[in-house]
Amino acid sequence: MADMYFRQAQIGIVVFSLVDVSSFQATRTWVERINKAAPDGTIIGIAGNKLDLATGSARAVPREAAVDFAKSVGATYLETSALTADGVAELFKELAEQVPKSTMARRRTADVVLDDSPVESSCKC
């Protein structure tokens, strides 16, 4: 069912835990699902999360492995912490900057025209 959410996606973000290697291994499947269901040119971000816990031996996924994987699938990689918000804004900013302006212009549905002329009301309140 998740695949139906990818159909009109401009950006897909796959998140894994830096302290759980099995979650990192699952990222390949999620990237494949996005590539299969989303339109061509969908931007993919991969976030290594739980940076706040990934110190010393607690870190299960080496940065180099995650960076190499992201490069192999044409994705952007950043490390984040949902708890402390480290890297979260940077991730969204980095991905948003990759969306072509022409794509955003096509998605706009109507122009807004502001007119400061007074509006006459038939209501006598």
PDB file of N, CA and C in Angstrom:
ATOM      1  N   MET A   1       0.815  -1.190   0.000  1.00  0.00           N
ATOM      2  CA  MET A   1       0.000   0.000   0.000  1.00  0.00           C
ATOM      3  C   MET A   1       0.866   1.265   0.000  1.00  0.00           C
ATOM      4  N   ALA A   2       2.029   1.190   0.580  1.00  0.00           N
ATOM      5  CA  ALA A   2       2.900   2.372   0.640  1.00  0.00           C
ATOM      6  C   ALA A   2       3.269   2.862  -0.755  1.00  0.00           C
ATOM      7  N   ASP A   3       3.352   1.959  -1.727  1.00  0.00           N
ATOM      8  CA  ASP A   3       3.754   2.344  -3.075  1.00  0.00           C
ATOM      9  C   ASP A   3       2.831   3.387  -3.690  1.00  0.00           C
ATOM     10  N   MET A   4       1.553   3.378  -3.327  1.00  0.00           N
ATOM     11  CA  MET A   4       0.637   4.368  -3.903  1.00  0.00           C
ATOM     12  C   MET A   4       0.991   5.783  -3.459  1.00  0.00           C
ATOM     13  N   TYR A   5       1.682   5.941  -2.348  1.00  0.00           N
ATOM     14  CA  TYR A   5       2.093   7.264  -1.901  1.00  0.00           C
ATOM     15  C   TYR A   5       3.280   7.790  -2.700  1.00  0.00           C
ATOM     16  N   PHE A   6       3.966   6.931  -3.405  1.00  0.00           N
ATOM     17  CA  PHE A   6       5.131   7.333  -4.175  1.00  0.00           C
ATOM     18  C   PHE A   6       4.761   7.872  -5.551  1.00  0.00           C
ATOM     19  N   ARG A   7       3.558   7.643  -6.025  1.00  0.00           N
ATOM     20  CA  ARG A   7       3.182   7.928  -7.413  1.00  0.00           C
ATOM     21  C   ARG A   7       3.435   9.357  -7.859  1.00  0.00           C
ATOM     22  N   GLN A   8       3.144  10.316  -7.035  1.00  0.00           N
ATOM     23  CA  GLN A   8       3.318  11.724  -7.408  1.00  0.00           C
ATOM     24  C   GLN A   8       4.442  12.383  -6.620  1.00  0.00           C
ATOM     25  N   ALA A   9       5.306  11.587  -6.038  1.00  0.00           N
ATOM     26  CA  ALA A   9       6.354  12.117  -5.162  1.00  0.00           C
ATOM     27  C   ALA A   9       7.399  12.898  -5.950  1.00  0.00           C
ATOM     28  N   GLN A  10       7.805  14.007  -5.394  1.00  0.00           N
ATOM     29  CA  GLN A  10       8.940  14.762  -5.920  1.00  0.00           C
ATOM     30  C   GLN A  10      10.210  14.339  -5.187  1.00  0.00           C
ATOM     31  N   ILE A  11      10.037  13.975  -3.919  1.00  0.00           N
ATOM     32  CA  ILE A  11      11.154  13.590  -3.061  1.00  0.00           C
ATOM     33  C   ILE A  11      10.738  12.386  -2.226  1.00  0.00           C
ATOM     34  N   GLY A  12      11.655  11.444  -2.062  1.00  0.00           N
ATOM     35  CA  GLY A  12      11.442  10.323  -1.156  1.00  0.00           C
ATOM     36  C   GLY A  12      12.595  10.270  -0.170  1.00  0.00           C
ATOM     37  N   ILE A  13      12.295  10.074   1.099  1.00  0.00           N
ATOM     38  CA  ILE A  13      13.331   9.989   2.118  1.00  0.00           C
ATOM     39  C   ILE A  13      13.248   8.627   2.790  1.00  0.00           C
ATOM     40  N   VAL A  14      14.356   7.910   2.768  1.00  0.00           N
ATOM     41  CA  VAL A  14      14.449   6.609   3.415  1.00  0.00           C
ATOM     42  C   VAL A  14      15.300   6.805   4.667  1.00  0.00           C
ATOM     43  N   VAL A  15      14.761   6.404   5.796  1.00  0.00           N
ATOM     44  CA  VAL A  15      15.436   6.602   7.071  1.00  0.00           C
ATOM     45  C   VAL A  15      15.816   5.244   7.653  1.00  0.00           C
ATOM     46  N   PHE A  16      17.046   5.146   8.131  1.00  0.00           N
ATOM     47  CA  PHE A  16      17.482   3.942   8.829  1.00  0.00           C
ATOM     48  C   PHE A  16      18.176   4.339  10.120  1.00  0.00           C
ATOM     49  N   SER A  17      18.320   3.383  11.009  1.00  0.00           N
ATOM     50  CA  SER A  17      18.965   3.630  12.286  1.00  0.00           C
ATOM     51  C   SER A  17      20.457   3.335  12.193  1.00  0.00           C
ATOM     52  N   LEU A  18      21.253   4.289  12.638  1.00  0.00           N
ATOM     53  CA  LEU A  18      22.709   4.103  12.642  1.00  0.00           C
ATOM     54  C   LEU A  18      23.155   3.038  13.648  1.00  0.00           C
ATOM     55  N   VAL A  19      22.262   2.660  14.547  1.00  0.00           N
ATOM     56  CA  VAL A  19      22.608   1.656  15.555  1.00  0.00           C
ATOM     57  C   VAL A  19      21.959   0.301  15.288  1.00  0.00           C
ATOM     58  N   ASP A  20      21.383   0.131  14.082  1.00  0.00           N
ATOM     59  CA  ASP A  20      20.713  -1.122  13.724  1.00  0.00           C
ATOM     60  C   ASP A  20      21.038  -1.466  12.271  1.00  0.00           C
ATOM     61  N   VAL A  21      21.955  -2.388  12.080  1.00  0.00           N
ATOM     62  CA  VAL A  21      22.404  -2.725  10.726  1.00  0.00           C
ATOM     63  C   VAL A  21      21.279  -3.295   9.862  1.00  0.00           C
ATOM     64  N   SER A  22      20.312  -3.990  10.459  1.00  0.00           N
ATOM     65  CA  SER A  22      19.219  -4.556   9.654  1.00  0.00           C
ATOM     66  C   SER A  22      18.356  -3.451   9.043  1.00  0.00           C
ATOM     67  N   SER A  23      18.205  -2.327   9.742  1.00  0.00           N
ATOM     68  CA  SER A  23      17.437  -1.227   9.158  1.00  0.00           C
ATOM     69  C   SER A  23      18.190  -0.625   7.978  1.00  0.00           C
ATOM     70  N   PHE A  24      19.515  -0.589   8.063  1.00  0.00           N
ATOM     71  CA  PHE A  24      20.321  -0.109   6.938  1.00  0.00           C
ATOM     72  C   PHE A  24      20.192  -1.051   5.744  1.00  0.00           C
ATOM     73  N   GLN A  25      20.199  -2.339   5.997  1.00  0.00           N
ATOM     74  CA  GLN A  25      20.075  -3.316   4.913  1.00  0.00           C
ATOM     75  C   GLN A  25      18.728  -3.194   4.200  1.00  0.00           C
ATOM     76  N   ALA A  26      17.718  -2.763   4.904  1.00  0.00           N
ATOM     77  CA  ALA A  26      16.380  -2.611   4.310  1.00  0.00           C
ATOM     78  C   ALA A  26      16.279  -1.381   3.410  1.00  0.00           C
ATOM     79  N   THR A  27      17.238  -0.462   3.499  1.00  0.00           N
ATOM     80  CA  THR A  27      17.140   0.755   2.683  1.00  0.00           C
ATOM     81  C   THR A  27      17.148   0.435   1.187  1.00  0.00           C
ATOM     82  N   ARG A  28      17.887  -0.578   0.777  1.00  0.00           N
ATOM     83  CA  ARG A  28      17.933  -0.938  -0.644  1.00  0.00           C
ATOM     84  C   ARG A  28      16.530  -1.263  -1.160  1.00  0.00           C
ATOM     85  N   THR A  29      15.781  -2.041  -0.396  1.00  0.00           N
ATOM     86  CA  THR A  29      14.421  -2.408  -0.799  1.00  0.00           C
ATOM     87  C   THR A  29      13.540  -1.166  -0.914  1.00  0.00           C
ATOM     88  N   TRP A  30      13.655  -0.246   0.042  1.00  0.00           N
ATOM     89  CA  TRP A  30      12.832   0.959   0.002  1.00  0.00           C
ATOM     90  C   TRP A  30      13.203   1.849  -1.173  1.00  0.00           C
ATOM     91  N   VAL A  31      14.470   1.975  -1.458  1.00  0.00           N
ATOM     92  CA  VAL A  31      14.900   2.773  -2.616  1.00  0.00           C
ATOM     93  C   VAL A  31      14.365   2.138  -3.901  1.00  0.00           C
ATOM     94  N   GLU A  32      14.430   0.824  -4.009  1.00  0.00           N
ATOM     95  CA  GLU A  32      13.899   0.135  -5.193  1.00  0.00           C
ATOM     96  C   GLU A  32      12.400   0.370  -5.339  1.00  0.00           C
ATOM     97  N   ARG A  33      11.679   0.338  -4.234  1.00  0.00           N
ATOM     98  CA  ARG A  33      10.232   0.572  -4.283  1.00  0.00           C
ATOM     99  C   ARG A  33       9.922   1.994  -4.733  1.00  0.00           C
ATOM    100  N   ILE A  34      10.683   2.955  -4.236  1.00  0.00           N
ATOM    101  CA  ILE A  34      10.478   4.349  -4.664  1.00  0.00           C
ATOM    102  C   ILE A  34      10.763   4.476  -6.154  1.00  0.00           C
ATOM    103  N   ASN A  35      11.884   3.913  -6.602  1.00  0.00           N
ATOM    104  CA  ASN A  35      12.246   4.003  -8.022  1.00  0.00           C
ATOM    105  C   ASN A  35      11.221   3.326  -8.921  1.00  0.00           C
ATOM    106  N   LYS A  36      10.605   2.286  -8.438  1.00  0.00           N
ATOM    107  CA  LYS A  36       9.611   1.561  -9.234  1.00  0.00           C
ATOM    108  C   LYS A  36       8.281   2.323  -9.318  1.00  0.00           C
ATOM    109  N   ALA A  37       7.849   2.914  -8.215  1.00  0.00           N
ATOM    110  CA  ALA A  37       6.516   3.512  -8.165  1.00  0.00           C
ATOM    111  C   ALA A  37       6.490   5.016  -8.415  1.00  0.00           C
ATOM    112  N   ALA A  38       7.562   5.705  -8.121  1.00  0.00           N
ATOM    113  CA  ALA A  38       7.578   7.170  -8.245  1.00  0.00           C
ATOM    114  C   ALA A  38       7.924   7.584  -9.670  1.00  0.00           C
ATOM    115  N   PRO A  39       7.586   8.813 -10.029  1.00  0.00           N
ATOM    116  CA  PRO A  39       7.932   9.291 -11.376  1.00  0.00           C
ATOM    117  C   PRO A  39       9.444   9.382 -11.568  1.00  0.00           C
ATOM    118  N   ASP A  40       9.868   9.306 -12.824  1.00  0.00           N
ATOM    119  CA  ASP A  40      11.288   9.484 -13.126  1.00  0.00           C
ATOM    120  C   ASP A  40      11.752  10.830 -12.591  1.00  0.00           C
ATOM    121  N   GLY A  41      12.958  10.855 -12.088  1.00  0.00           N
ATOM    122  CA  GLY A  41      13.516  12.096 -11.579  1.00  0.00           C
ATOM    123  C   GLY A  41      13.188  12.386 -10.125  1.00  0.00           C
ATOM    124  N   THR A  42      12.491  11.469  -9.473  1.00  0.00           N
ATOM    125  CA  THR A  42      12.201  11.673  -8.052  1.00  0.00           C
ATOM    126  C   THR A  42      13.517  11.704  -7.277  1.00  0.00           C
ATOM    127  N   ILE A  43      13.653  12.684  -6.434  1.00  0.00           N
ATOM    128  CA  ILE A  43      14.870  12.862  -5.649  1.00  0.00           C
ATOM    129  C   ILE A  43      14.791  11.962  -4.419  1.00  0.00           C
ATOM    130  N   ILE A  44      15.873  11.256  -4.157  1.00  0.00           N
ATOM    131  CA  ILE A  44      15.887  10.353  -3.009  1.00  0.00           C
ATOM    132  C   ILE A  44      16.929  10.818  -2.006  1.00  0.00           C
ATOM    133  N   GLY A  45      16.500  10.896  -0.768  1.00  0.00           N
ATOM    134  CA  GLY A  45      17.384  11.193   0.346  1.00  0.00           C
ATOM    135  C   GLY A  45      17.449   9.996   1.264  1.00  0.00           C
ATOM    136  N   ILE A  46      18.614   9.741   1.791  1.00  0.00           N
ATOM    137  CA  ILE A  46      18.780   8.662   2.766  1.00  0.00           C
ATOM    138  C   ILE A  46      19.298   9.305   4.045  1.00  0.00           C
ATOM    139  N   ALA A  47      18.576   9.049   5.132  1.00  0.00           N
ATOM    140  CA  ALA A  47      18.942   9.631   6.420  1.00  0.00           C
ATOM    141  C   ALA A  47      19.374   8.530   7.381  1.00  0.00           C
ATOM    142  N   GLY A  48      20.613   8.635   7.834  1.00  0.00           N
ATOM    143  CA  GLY A  48      21.081   7.776   8.912  1.00  0.00           C
ATOM    144  C   GLY A  48      20.675   8.443  10.210  1.00  0.00           C
ATOM    145  N   ASN A  49      19.683   7.895  10.885  1.00  0.00           N
ATOM    146  CA  ASN A  49      19.106   8.526  12.066  1.00  0.00           C
ATOM    147  C   ASN A  49      19.692   7.942  13.357  1.00  0.00           C
ATOM    148  N   LYS A  50      19.390   8.572  14.442  1.00  0.00           N
ATOM    149  CA  LYS A  50      19.870   8.225  15.787  1.00  0.00           C
ATOM    150  C   LYS A  50      21.345   8.554  15.952  1.00  0.00           C
ATOM    151  N   LEU A  51      21.757   9.647  15.334  1.00  0.00           N
ATOM    152  CA  LEU A  51      23.129  10.105  15.446  1.00  0.00           C
ATOM    153  C   LEU A  51      23.510  10.341  16.912  1.00  0.00           C
ATOM    154  N   ASP A  52      22.537  10.735  17.715  1.00  0.00           N
ATOM    155  CA  ASP A  52      22.789  10.971  19.136  1.00  0.00           C
ATOM    156  C   ASP A  52      23.188   9.694  19.883  1.00  0.00           C
ATOM    157  N   LEU A  53      22.809   8.535  19.368  1.00  0.00           N
ATOM    158  CA  LEU A  53      23.145   7.257  20.007  1.00  0.00           C
ATOM    159  C   LEU A  53      24.345   6.563  19.364  1.00  0.00           C
ATOM    160  N   ALA A  54      24.725   7.027  18.186  1.00  0.00           N
ATOM    161  CA  ALA A  54      25.730   6.327  17.376  1.00  0.00           C
ATOM    162  C   ALA A  54      27.149   6.734  17.723  1.00  0.00           C
ATOM    163  N   THR A  55      27.519   6.555  18.966  1.00  0.00           N
ATOM    164  CA  THR A  55      28.879   6.884  19.388  1.00  0.00           C
ATOM    165  C   THR A  55      29.626   5.608  19.743  1.00  0.00           C
ATOM    166  N   GLY A  56      30.895   5.592  19.422  1.00  0.00           N
ATOM    167  CA  GLY A  56      31.735   4.441  19.759  1.00  0.00           C
ATOM    168  C   GLY A  56      31.218   3.140  19.184  1.00  0.00           C
ATOM    169  N   SER A  57      31.189   2.117  20.026  1.00  0.00           N
ATOM    170  CA  SER A  57      30.784   0.791  19.569  1.00  0.00           C
ATOM    171  C   SER A  57      29.281   0.660  19.347  1.00  0.00           C
ATOM    172  N   ALA A  58      28.489   1.640  19.796  1.00  0.00           N
ATOM    173  CA  ALA A  58      27.042   1.587  19.589  1.00  0.00           C
ATOM    174  C   ALA A  58      26.679   1.785  18.116  1.00  0.00           C
ATOM    175  N   ARG A  59      27.557   2.426  17.368  1.00  0.00           N
ATOM    176  CA  ARG A  59      27.302   2.668  15.948  1.00  0.00           C
ATOM    177  C   ARG A  59      27.472   1.370  15.174  1.00  0.00           C
ATOM    178  N   ALA A  60      26.398   0.950  14.494  1.00  0.00           N
ATOM    179  CA  ALA A  60      26.424  -0.318  13.763  1.00  0.00           C
ATOM    180  C   ALA A  60      26.676  -0.141  12.273  1.00  0.00           C
ATOM    181  N   VAL A  61      26.445   1.060  11.766  1.00  0.00           N
ATOM    182  CA  VAL A  61      26.591   1.321  10.329  1.00  0.00           C
ATOM    183  C   VAL A  61      27.677   2.372  10.129  1.00  0.00           C
ATOM    184  N   PRO A  62      28.803   1.982   9.538  1.00  0.00           N
ATOM    185  CA  PRO A  62      29.862   2.965   9.292  1.00  0.00           C
ATOM    186  C   PRO A  62      29.407   4.031   8.292  1.00  0.00           C
ATOM    187  N   ARG A  63      29.823   5.256   8.517  1.00  0.00           N
ATOM    188  CA  ARG A  63      29.467   6.365   7.631  1.00  0.00           C
ATOM    189  C   ARG A  63      29.852   6.053   6.188  1.00  0.00           C
ATOM    190  N   GLU A  64      31.035   5.496   5.994  1.00  0.00           N
ATOM    191  CA  GLU A  64      31.511   5.205   4.632  1.00  0.00           C
ATOM    192  C   GLU A  64      30.573   4.253   3.901  1.00  0.00           C
ATOM    193  N   ALA A  65      30.053   3.257   4.608  1.00  0.00           N
ATOM    194  CA  ALA A  65      29.133   2.297   3.983  1.00  0.00           C
ATOM    195  C   ALA A  65      27.858   2.991   3.534  1.00  0.00           C
ATOM    196  N   ALA A  66      27.339   3.876   4.368  1.00  0.00           N
ATOM    197  CA  ALA A  66      26.105   4.589   4.031  1.00  0.00           C
ATOM    198  C   ALA A  66      26.330   5.560   2.875  1.00  0.00           C
ATOM    199  N   VAL A  67      27.444   6.269   2.905  1.00  0.00           N
ATOM    200  CA  VAL A  67      27.766   7.207   1.827  1.00  0.00           C
ATOM    201  C   VAL A  67      27.932   6.452   0.507  1.00  0.00           C
ATOM    202  N   ASP A  68      28.644   5.347   0.538  1.00  0.00           N
ATOM    203  CA  ASP A  68      28.848   4.546  -0.678  1.00  0.00           C
ATOM    204  C   ASP A  68      27.528   4.031  -1.235  1.00  0.00           C
ATOM    205  N   PHE A  69      26.662   3.559  -0.343  1.00  0.00           N
ATOM    206  CA  PHE A  69      25.364   3.068  -0.808  1.00  0.00           C
ATOM    207  C   PHE A  69      24.561   4.199  -1.447  1.00  0.00           C
ATOM    208  N   ALA A  70      24.508   5.345  -0.788  1.00  0.00           N
ATOM    209  CA  ALA A  70      23.749   6.475  -1.327  1.00  0.00           C
ATOM    210  C   ALA A  70      24.269   6.868  -2.708  1.00  0.00           C
ATOM    211  N   LYS A  71      25.581   6.926  -2.854  1.00  0.00           N
ATOM    212  CA  LYS A  71      26.160   7.251  -4.164  1.00  0.00           C
ATOM    213  C   LYS A  71      25.767   6.220  -5.208  1.00  0.00           C
ATOM    214  N   SER A  72      25.740   4.950  -4.823  1.00  0.00           N
ATOM    215  CA  SER A  72      25.433   3.879  -5.782  1.00  0.00           C
ATOM    216  C   SER A  72      24.013   3.947  -6.312  1.00  0.00           C
ATOM    217  N   VAL A  73      23.108   4.562  -5.548  1.00  0.00           N
ATOM    218  CA  VAL A  73      21.716   4.669  -6.001  1.00  0.00           C
ATOM    219  C   VAL A  73      21.347   6.105  -6.382  1.00  0.00           C
ATOM    220  N   GLY A  74      22.342   6.991  -6.419  1.00  0.00           N
ATOM    221  CA  GLY A  74      22.088   8.375  -6.814  1.00  0.00           C
ATOM    222  C   GLY A  74      21.311   9.179  -5.790  1.00  0.00           C
ATOM    223  N   ALA A  75      21.505   8.849  -4.531  1.00  0.00           N
ATOM    224  CA  ALA A  75      20.770   9.531  -3.459  1.00  0.00           C
ATOM    225  C   ALA A  75      21.686  10.469  -2.684  1.00  0.00           C
ATOM    226  N   THR A  76      21.056  11.377  -1.969  1.00  0.00           N
ATOM    227  CA  THR A  76      21.752  12.267  -1.055  1.00  0.00           C
ATOM    228  C   THR A  76      21.758  11.612   0.320  1.00  0.00           C
ATOM    229  N   TYR A  77      22.895  11.673   1.012  1.00  0.00           N
ATOM    230  CA  TYR A  77      22.989  11.069   2.340  1.00  0.00           C
ATOM    231  C   TYR A  77      23.338  12.108   3.383  1.00  0.00           C
ATOM    232  N   LEU A  78      22.592  12.093   4.476  1.00  0.00           N
ATOM    233  CA  LEU A  78      22.901  12.932   5.640  1.00  0.00           C
ATOM    234  C   LEU A  78      22.602  12.132   6.904  1.00  0.00           C
ATOM    235  N   GLU A  79      23.308  12.462   7.964  1.00  0.00           N
ATOM    236  CA  GLU A  79      23.058  11.832   9.255  1.00  0.00           C
ATOM    237  C   GLU A  79      22.260  12.789  10.113  1.00  0.00           C
ATOM    238  N   THR A  80      21.287  12.223  10.834  1.00  0.00           N
ATOM    239  CA  THR A  80      20.349  13.033  11.595  1.00  0.00           C
ATOM    240  C   THR A  80      20.100  12.443  12.979  1.00  0.00           C
ATOM    241  N   SER A  81      19.476  13.255  13.798  1.00  0.00           N
ATOM    242  CA  SER A  81      18.956  12.786  15.082  1.00  0.00           C
ATOM    243  C   SER A  81      17.559  13.367  15.231  1.00  0.00           C
ATOM    244  N   ALA A  82      16.573  12.512  15.250  1.00  0.00           N
ATOM    245  CA  ALA A  82      15.210  12.997  15.460  1.00  0.00           C
ATOM    246  C   ALA A  82      15.052  13.527  16.885  1.00  0.00           C
ATOM    247  N   LEU A  83      15.819  12.987  17.805  1.00  0.00           N
ATOM    248  CA  LEU A  83      15.735  13.419  19.193  1.00  0.00           C
ATOM    249  C   LEU A  83      16.251  14.843  19.386  1.00  0.00           C
ATOM    250  N   THR A  84      17.408  15.136  18.831  1.00  0.00           N
ATOM    251  CA  THR A  84      18.024  16.455  19.023  1.00  0.00           C
ATOM    252  C   THR A  84      17.799  17.397  17.842  1.00  0.00           C
ATOM    253  N   ALA A  85      17.244  16.884  16.753  1.00  0.00           N
ATOM    254  CA  ALA A  85      16.987  17.619  15.510  1.00  0.00           C
ATOM    255  C   ALA A  85      18.266  17.931  14.733  1.00  0.00           C
ATOM    256  N   ASP A  86      19.394  17.381  15.137  1.00  0.00           N
ATOM    257  CA  ASP A  86      20.634  17.583  14.386  1.00  0.00           C
ATOM    258  C   ASP A  86      20.475  17.040  12.970  1.00  0.00           C
ATOM    259  N   GLY A  87      20.801  17.858  12.000  1.00  0.00           N
ATOM    260  CA  GLY A  87      20.808  17.448  10.606  1.00  0.00           C
ATOM    261  C   GLY A  87      19.459  17.378   9.918  1.00  0.00           C
ATOM    262  N   VAL A  88      18.366  17.497  10.657  1.00  0.00           N
ATOM    263  CA  VAL A  88      17.036  17.352  10.050  1.00  0.00           C
ATOM    264  C   VAL A  88      16.741  18.502   9.091  1.00  0.00           C
ATOM    265  N   ALA A  89      16.913  19.722   9.538  1.00  0.00           N
ATOM    266  CA  ALA A  89      16.658  20.878   8.666  1.00  0.00           C
ATOM    267  C   ALA A  89      17.585  20.845   7.462  1.00  0.00           C
ATOM    268  N   GLU A  90      18.840  20.462   7.684  1.00  0.00           N
ATOM    269  CA  GLU A  90      19.808  20.384   6.585  1.00  0.00           C
ATOM    270  C   GLU A  90      19.373  19.359   5.543  1.00  0.00           C
ATOM    271  N   LEU A  91      18.834  18.228   6.006  1.00  0.00           N
ATOM    272  CA  LEU A  91      18.361  17.197   5.083  1.00  0.00           C
ATOM    273  C   LEU A  91      17.248  17.740   4.199  1.00  0.00           C
ATOM    274  N   PHE A  92      16.249  18.349   4.806  1.00  0.00           N
ATOM    275  CA  PHE A  92      15.123  18.872   4.026  1.00  0.00           C
ATOM    276  C   PHE A  92      15.569  19.993   3.095  1.00  0.00           C
ATOM    277  N   LYS A  93      16.440  20.860   3.565  1.00  0.00           N
ATOM    278  CA  LYS A  93      16.933  21.958   2.727  1.00  0.00           C
ATOM    279  C   LYS A  93      17.714  21.410   1.535  1.00  0.00           C
ATOM    280  N   GLU A  94      18.608  20.482   1.786  1.00  0.00           N
ATOM    281  CA  GLU A  94      19.420  19.881   0.714  1.00  0.00           C
ATOM    282  C   GLU A  94      18.541  19.242  -0.351  1.00  0.00           C
ATOM    283  N   LEU A  95      17.526  18.505   0.069  1.00  0.00           N
ATOM    284  CA  LEU A  95      16.649  17.832  -0.894  1.00  0.00           C
ATOM    285  C   LEU A  95      15.756  18.824  -1.624  1.00  0.00           C
ATOM    286  N   ALA A  96      15.233  19.803  -0.914  1.00  0.00           N
ATOM    287  CA  ALA A  96      14.362  20.795  -1.547  1.00  0.00           C
ATOM    288  C   ALA A  96      15.103  21.593  -2.607  1.00  0.00           C
ATOM    289  N   GLU A  97      16.371  21.867  -2.374  1.00  0.00           N
ATOM    290  CA  GLU A  97      17.164  22.620  -3.349  1.00  0.00           C
ATOM    291  C   GLU A  97      17.399  21.828  -4.635  1.00  0.00           C
ATOM    292  N   GLN A  98      17.200  20.524  -4.587  1.00  0.00           N
ATOM    293  CA  GLN A  98      17.396  19.693  -5.778  1.00  0.00           C
ATOM    294  C   GLN A  98      16.160  19.617  -6.666  1.00  0.00           C
ATOM    295  N   VAL A  99      15.008  20.048  -6.153  1.00  0.00           N
ATOM    296  CA  VAL A  99      13.779  19.995  -6.948  1.00  0.00           C
ATOM    297  C   VAL A  99      13.872  21.065  -8.027  1.00  0.00           C
ATOM    298  N   PRO A 100      13.778  20.666  -9.291  1.00  0.00           N
ATOM    299  CA  PRO A 100      13.874  21.653 -10.371  1.00  0.00           C
ATOM    300  C   PRO A 100      12.760  22.694 -10.282  1.00  0.00           C
ATOM    301  N   LYS A 101      13.119  23.945 -10.484  1.00  0.00           N
ATOM    302  CA  LYS A 101      12.122  25.005 -10.430  1.00  0.00           C
ATOM    303  C   LYS A 101      11.029  24.801 -11.473  1.00  0.00           C
ATOM    304  N   SER A 102      11.357  24.238 -12.603  1.00  0.00           N
ATOM    305  CA  SER A 102      10.356  23.997 -13.642  1.00  0.00           C
ATOM    306  C   SER A 102       9.301  23.012 -13.158  1.00  0.00           C
ATOM    307  N   THR A 103       9.692  22.049 -12.343  1.00  0.00           N
ATOM    308  CA  THR A 103       8.742  21.087 -11.789  1.00  0.00           C
ATOM    309  C   THR A 103       7.790  21.781 -10.843  1.00  0.00           C
ATOM    310  N   MET A 104       8.304  22.653 -10.019  1.00  0.00           N
ATOM    311  CA  MET A 104       7.460  23.369  -9.067  1.00  0.00           C
ATOM    312  C   MET A 104       6.496  24.294  -9.795  1.00  0.00           C
ATOM    313  N   ALA A 105       6.930  24.925 -10.871  1.00  0.00           N
ATOM    314  CA  ALA A 105       6.061  25.825 -11.624  1.00  0.00           C
ATOM    315  C   ALA A 105       4.895  25.060 -12.243  1.00  0.00           C
ATOM    316  N   ARG A 106       5.153  23.852 -12.725  1.00  0.00           N
ATOM    317  CA  ARG A 106       4.086  23.049 -13.316  1.00  0.00           C
ATOM    318  C   ARG A 106       3.033  22.654 -12.296  1.00  0.00           C
ATOM    319  N   ARG A 107       3.420  22.492 -11.046  1.00  0.00           N
ATOM    320  CA  ARG A 107       2.493  22.043 -10.018  1.00  0.00           C
ATOM    321  C   ARG A 107       1.584  23.159  -9.527  1.00  0.00           C
ATOM    322  N   ARG A 108       1.944  24.403  -9.815  1.00  0.00           N
ATOM    323  CA  ARG A 108       1.123  25.524  -9.384  1.00  0.00           C
ATOM    324  C   ARG A 108      -0.196  25.473 -10.139  1.00  0.00           C
ATOM    325  N   THR A 109      -1.307  25.614  -9.451  1.00  0.00           N
ATOM    326  CA  THR A 109      -2.603  25.440 -10.099  1.00  0.00           C
ATOM    327  C   THR A 109      -3.283  26.753 -10.478  1.00  0.00           C
ATOM    328  N   ALA A 110      -3.011  27.816  -9.776  1.00  0.00           N
ATOM    329  CA  ALA A 110      -3.687  29.078 -10.093  1.00  0.00           C
ATOM    330  C   ALA A 110      -2.832  30.243  -9.649  1.00  0.00           C
ATOM    331  N   ASP A 111      -3.014  31.348 -10.334  1.00  0.00           N
ATOM    332  CA  ASP A 111      -2.341  32.565  -9.927  1.00  0.00           C
ATOM    333  C   ASP A 111      -3.245  33.319  -8.961  1.00  0.00           C
ATOM    334  N   VAL A 112      -2.647  33.955  -8.014  1.00  0.00           N
ATOM    335  CA  VAL A 112      -3.394  34.770  -7.066  1.00  0.00           C
ATOM    336  C   VAL A 112      -3.204  36.216  -7.470  1.00  0.00           C
ATOM    337  N   VAL A 113      -4.304  36.918  -7.629  1.00  0.00           N
ATOM    338  CA  VAL A 113      -4.256  38.323  -7.989  1.00  0.00           C
ATOM    339  C   VAL A 113      -4.771  39.114  -6.794  1.00  0.00           C
ATOM    340  N   LEU A 114      -3.929  39.990  -6.306  1.00  0.00           N
ATOM    341  CA  LEU A 114      -4.329  40.836  -5.192  1.00  0.00           C
ATOM    342  C   LEU A 114      -4.819  42.162  -5.736  1.00  0.00           C
ATOM    343  N   ASP A 115      -5.980  42.536  -5.321  1.00  0.00           N
ATOM    344  CA  ASP A 115      -6.588  43.783  -5.772  1.00  0.00           C
ATOM    345  C   ASP A 115      -7.012  44.549  -4.528  1.00  0.00           C
ATOM    346  N   ASP A 116      -6.518  45.756  -4.385  1.00  0.00           N
ATOM    347  CA  ASP A 116      -6.830  46.518  -3.188  1.00  0.00           C
ATOM    348  C   ASP A 116      -8.036  47.440  -3.349  1.00  0.00           C
ATOM    349  N   SER A 117      -8.808  47.244  -4.423  1.00  0.00           N
ATOM    350  CA  SER A 117      -9.990  48.072  -4.588  1.00  0.00           C
ATOM    351  C   SER A 117     -11.065  47.632  -3.587  1.00  0.00           C
ATOM    352  N   PRO A 118     -11.838  48.584  -3.096  1.00  0.00           N
ATOM    353  CA  PRO A 118     -12.847  48.253  -2.075  1.00  0.00           C
ATOM    354  C   PRO A 118     -13.941  47.353  -2.637  1.00  0.00           C
ATOM    355  N   VAL A 119     -14.389  46.496  -1.772  1.00  0.00           N
ATOM    356  CA  VAL A 119     -15.462  45.572  -2.144  1.00  0.00           C
ATOM    357  C   VAL A 119     -16.756  46.078  -1.513  1.00  0.00           C
ATOM    358  N   GLU A 120     -17.771  46.248  -2.341  1.00  0.00           N
ATOM    359  CA  GLU A 120     -19.059  46.697  -1.817  1.00  0.00           C
ATOM    360  C   GLU A 120     -19.830  45.491  -1.340  1.00  0.00           C
ATOM    361  N   SER A 121     -20.406  45.669  -0.193  1.00  0.00           N
ATOM    362  CA  SER A 121     -21.166  44.572   0.400  1.00  0.00           C
ATOM    363  C   SER A 121     -22.634  44.910   0.405  1.00  0.00           C
ATOM    364  N   SER A 122     -23.446  43.920   0.187  1.00  0.00           N
ATOM    365  CA  SER A 122     -24.899  44.124   0.247  1.00  0.00           C
ATOM    366  C   SER A 122     -25.410  43.911   1.667  1.00  0.00           C
ATOM    367  N   CYS A 123     -24.532  43.492   2.536  1.00  0.00           N
ATOM    368  CA  CYS A 123     -24.895  43.220   3.924  1.00  0.00           C
ATOM    369  C   CYS A 123     -24.854  44.513   4.727  1.00  0.00           C
ATOM    370  N   LYS A 124     -25.827  44.775   5.556  1.00  0.00           N
ATOM    371  CA  LYS A 124     -25.896  45.992   6.385  1.00  0.00           C
ATOM    372  C   LYS A 124     -25.675  45.606   7.848  1.00  0.00           C
ATOM    373  N   CYS A 125     -24.500  45.204   8.185  1.00  0.00           N
ATOM    374  CA  CYS A 125     -24.209  44.768   9.543  1.00  0.00           C
ATOM    375  C   CYS A 125     -23.734  45.904  10.388  1.00  0.00           C
TER     376      CYS A 125
END
